[in-house]
């Protein structure tokens, strides 16, 4: 009987308050998801390289750098992972900054397992076998959730 091996999805949480992700961890406990926690940007950059599909959940406010700075460094190392920038509370300015920085998604706490079905890049987390054996997927920075306040702010920003 043939067997198939399913790649495990890695989720990297980078947040000085990791307890904020306990509900998400509980929701994902039955799946083939490994959650790795780092409380600073430097600690996150020391985590071993991801295998298979990767997702980063990065808080905007880290003790040693901004979430945007960490996002930039992650993008240089791994263009195949989706990156979600997370704020403790909603801020239109943070959402605009996340979009301009190339984040796959902007979210606010508490983190939700439903985010994974919110956009095409994250829907692929359930297609582990295909992704593990297929070509690397492009970074999904163009797949963003549109909101009227952010779209208006982005349109009104003068070109440099």
Protein backbone atom coordinates (compact mmCIF):
# COMPACT_ATOMS: atom_id res chain seq x y z
CA UNK A 1 0.00 0.00 0.00
CA UNK A 2 1.56 3.37 -0.99
CA UNK A 3 2.07 5.94 1.69
CA UNK A 4 2.16 9.66 1.36
CA UNK A 5 4.08 12.06 3.50
CA UNK A 6 2.44 15.33 4.33
CA UNK A 7 4.65 18.32 4.98
CA UNK A 8 4.05 20.07 8.25
CA UNK A 9 3.13 23.71 8.24
CA UNK A 10 5.34 25.93 10.37
CA UNK A 11 3.91 29.02 12.00
CA UNK A 12 6.41 31.41 13.50
CA UNK A 13 4.93 33.77 16.08
CA UNK A 14 7.08 36.78 16.95
CA UNK A 15 5.51 38.71 19.78
CA UNK A 16 6.67 39.89 23.22
CA UNK A 17 3.36 38.53 24.59
CA UNK A 18 3.18 34.90 23.40
CA UNK A 19 0.23 34.10 25.69
CA UNK A 20 -1.94 36.10 23.27
CA UNK A 21 -1.63 33.12 20.88
CA UNK A 22 -2.78 30.36 23.25
CA UNK A 23 -6.30 30.26 21.76
CA UNK A 24 -4.88 30.02 18.24
CA UNK A 25 -2.58 27.19 19.35
CA UNK A 26 -5.56 25.36 20.87
CA UNK A 27 -7.58 25.77 17.65
CA UNK A 28 -4.72 24.36 15.58
CA UNK A 29 -3.71 21.58 17.99
CA UNK A 30 -5.35 18.80 15.96
CA UNK A 31 -3.75 19.87 12.67
CA UNK A 32 -0.26 19.25 11.34
CA UNK A 33 0.86 22.72 12.35
CA UNK A 34 3.95 23.44 14.41
CA UNK A 35 3.96 26.78 16.20
CA UNK A 36 7.32 28.28 17.13
CA UNK A 37 7.39 31.27 19.48
CA UNK A 38 9.99 34.04 19.57
CA UNK A 39 9.65 37.12 21.76
CA UNK A 40 12.04 39.35 19.80
CA UNK A 41 13.19 39.90 16.24
CA UNK A 42 16.70 38.62 16.93
CA UNK A 43 15.33 35.46 18.53
CA UNK A 44 13.09 34.93 15.49
CA UNK A 45 16.01 35.26 13.09
CA UNK A 46 17.87 32.54 15.02
CA UNK A 47 15.06 29.99 14.52
CA UNK A 48 15.98 27.12 12.19
CA UNK A 49 15.01 27.43 8.54
CA UNK A 50 11.47 26.40 7.67
CA UNK A 51 10.73 23.31 5.66
CA UNK A 52 7.53 23.17 3.68
CA UNK A 53 4.95 25.90 3.98
CA UNK A 54 5.67 28.78 6.30
CA UNK A 55 3.67 31.52 7.94
CA UNK A 56 5.01 34.33 10.09
CA UNK A 57 2.77 36.19 12.57
CA UNK A 58 4.77 39.28 13.55
CA UNK A 59 3.77 41.93 16.06
CA UNK A 60 4.37 45.52 14.97
CA UNK A 61 6.03 46.34 18.30
CA UNK A 62 8.96 44.13 19.20
CA UNK A 63 11.47 44.93 21.94
CA UNK A 64 14.51 45.09 19.61
CA UNK A 65 13.13 46.18 16.22
CA UNK A 66 9.86 46.97 14.51
CA UNK A 67 7.75 44.27 12.92
CA UNK A 68 8.30 45.97 9.55
CA UNK A 69 12.09 45.70 9.98
CA UNK A 70 11.77 42.01 10.81
CA UNK A 71 9.45 41.49 7.83
CA UNK A 72 12.09 43.00 5.55
CA UNK A 73 14.78 40.66 6.88
CA UNK A 74 12.52 37.62 6.58
CA UNK A 75 11.65 38.52 2.97
CA UNK A 76 15.36 38.63 2.12
CA UNK A 77 15.85 35.12 3.54
CA UNK A 78 12.61 33.40 2.58
CA UNK A 79 10.41 34.65 -0.23
CA UNK A 80 8.09 31.64 0.03
CA UNK A 81 6.59 32.33 3.44
CA UNK A 82 3.49 34.38 4.08
CA UNK A 83 3.92 37.18 6.63
CA UNK A 84 1.12 38.67 8.72
CA UNK A 85 1.82 41.89 10.61
CA UNK A 86 -0.26 42.10 13.77
CA UNK A 87 -1.20 45.09 15.92
CA UNK A 88 -2.35 44.90 19.51
CA UNK A 89 -5.22 47.22 18.54
CA UNK A 90 -6.42 48.31 15.10
CA UNK A 91 -4.66 51.26 13.53
CA UNK A 92 -5.29 52.48 9.99
CA UNK A 93 -1.70 53.77 9.91
CA UNK A 94 -0.39 50.31 10.85
CA UNK A 95 -2.54 48.69 8.17
CA UNK A 96 -1.24 51.09 5.53
CA UNK A 97 2.34 50.53 6.67
CA UNK A 98 1.84 46.74 6.57
CA UNK A 99 0.50 46.92 3.03
CA UNK A 100 3.36 49.11 1.83
CA UNK A 101 5.92 46.84 3.51
CA UNK A 102 4.63 43.85 1.54
CA UNK A 103 2.89 41.95 4.33
CA UNK A 104 0.60 39.21 3.12
CA UNK A 105 -2.07 40.32 5.59
CA UNK A 106 -2.62 42.85 8.36
CA UNK A 107 -4.39 41.60 11.47
CA UNK A 108 -5.28 42.66 14.98
CA UNK A 109 -5.27 40.66 18.16
CA UNK A 110 -6.62 38.24 19.03
CA UNK A 111 -5.17 36.10 16.22
CA UNK A 112 -7.75 33.94 14.46
CA UNK A 113 -7.46 30.56 12.77
CA UNK A 114 -10.04 31.94 10.30
CA UNK A 115 -7.29 34.19 8.89
CA UNK A 116 -5.93 31.13 7.10
CA UNK A 117 -8.97 31.03 4.84
CA UNK A 118 -9.14 34.80 4.37
CA UNK A 119 -6.84 34.94 1.39
CA UNK A 120 -5.39 32.72 -1.34
CA UNK A 121 -1.83 32.63 0.05
CA UNK A 122 -3.05 31.31 3.37
CA UNK A 123 -5.61 28.93 1.88
CA UNK A 124 -2.67 27.03 0.47
CA UNK A 125 -1.65 25.98 3.96
CA UNK A 126 -4.11 23.10 3.57
CA UNK A 127 -2.48 21.95 0.33
CA UNK A 128 0.74 20.80 2.01
CA UNK A 129 1.46 17.79 -0.22
CA UNK A 130 1.17 19.82 -3.40
CA UNK A 131 3.32 22.65 -2.09
CA UNK A 132 5.92 20.35 -0.57
CA UNK A 133 6.56 18.71 -3.93
CA UNK A 134 5.81 21.53 -6.36
CA UNK A 135 7.82 24.62 -7.29
CA UNK A 136 8.14 27.40 -4.71
CA UNK A 137 5.17 29.70 -4.76
CA UNK A 138 5.65 33.43 -5.29
CA UNK A 139 5.34 35.72 -2.31
CA UNK A 140 1.72 36.77 -2.04
CA UNK A 141 2.23 40.45 -1.31
CA UNK A 142 -0.34 41.42 -3.94
CA UNK A 143 -3.13 39.42 -2.27
CA UNK A 144 -4.47 41.82 0.32
CA UNK A 145 -7.75 42.32 2.02
CA UNK A 146 -9.28 45.58 0.93
CA UNK A 147 -10.95 47.96 3.33
CA UNK A 148 -12.46 51.33 2.37
CA UNK A 149 -10.45 53.36 4.89
CA UNK A 150 -7.14 51.84 3.79
CA UNK A 151 -7.91 52.02 0.09
CA UNK A 152 -8.81 55.71 0.43
CA UNK A 153 -5.63 56.43 2.38
CA UNK A 154 -3.46 54.58 -0.13
CA UNK A 155 -5.08 56.41 -3.07
CA UNK A 156 -4.61 59.79 -1.41
CA UNK A 157 -0.91 59.25 -0.67
CA UNK A 158 1.09 61.47 -3.05
CA UNK A 159 3.60 59.73 -5.30
CA UNK A 160 7.21 60.53 -4.49
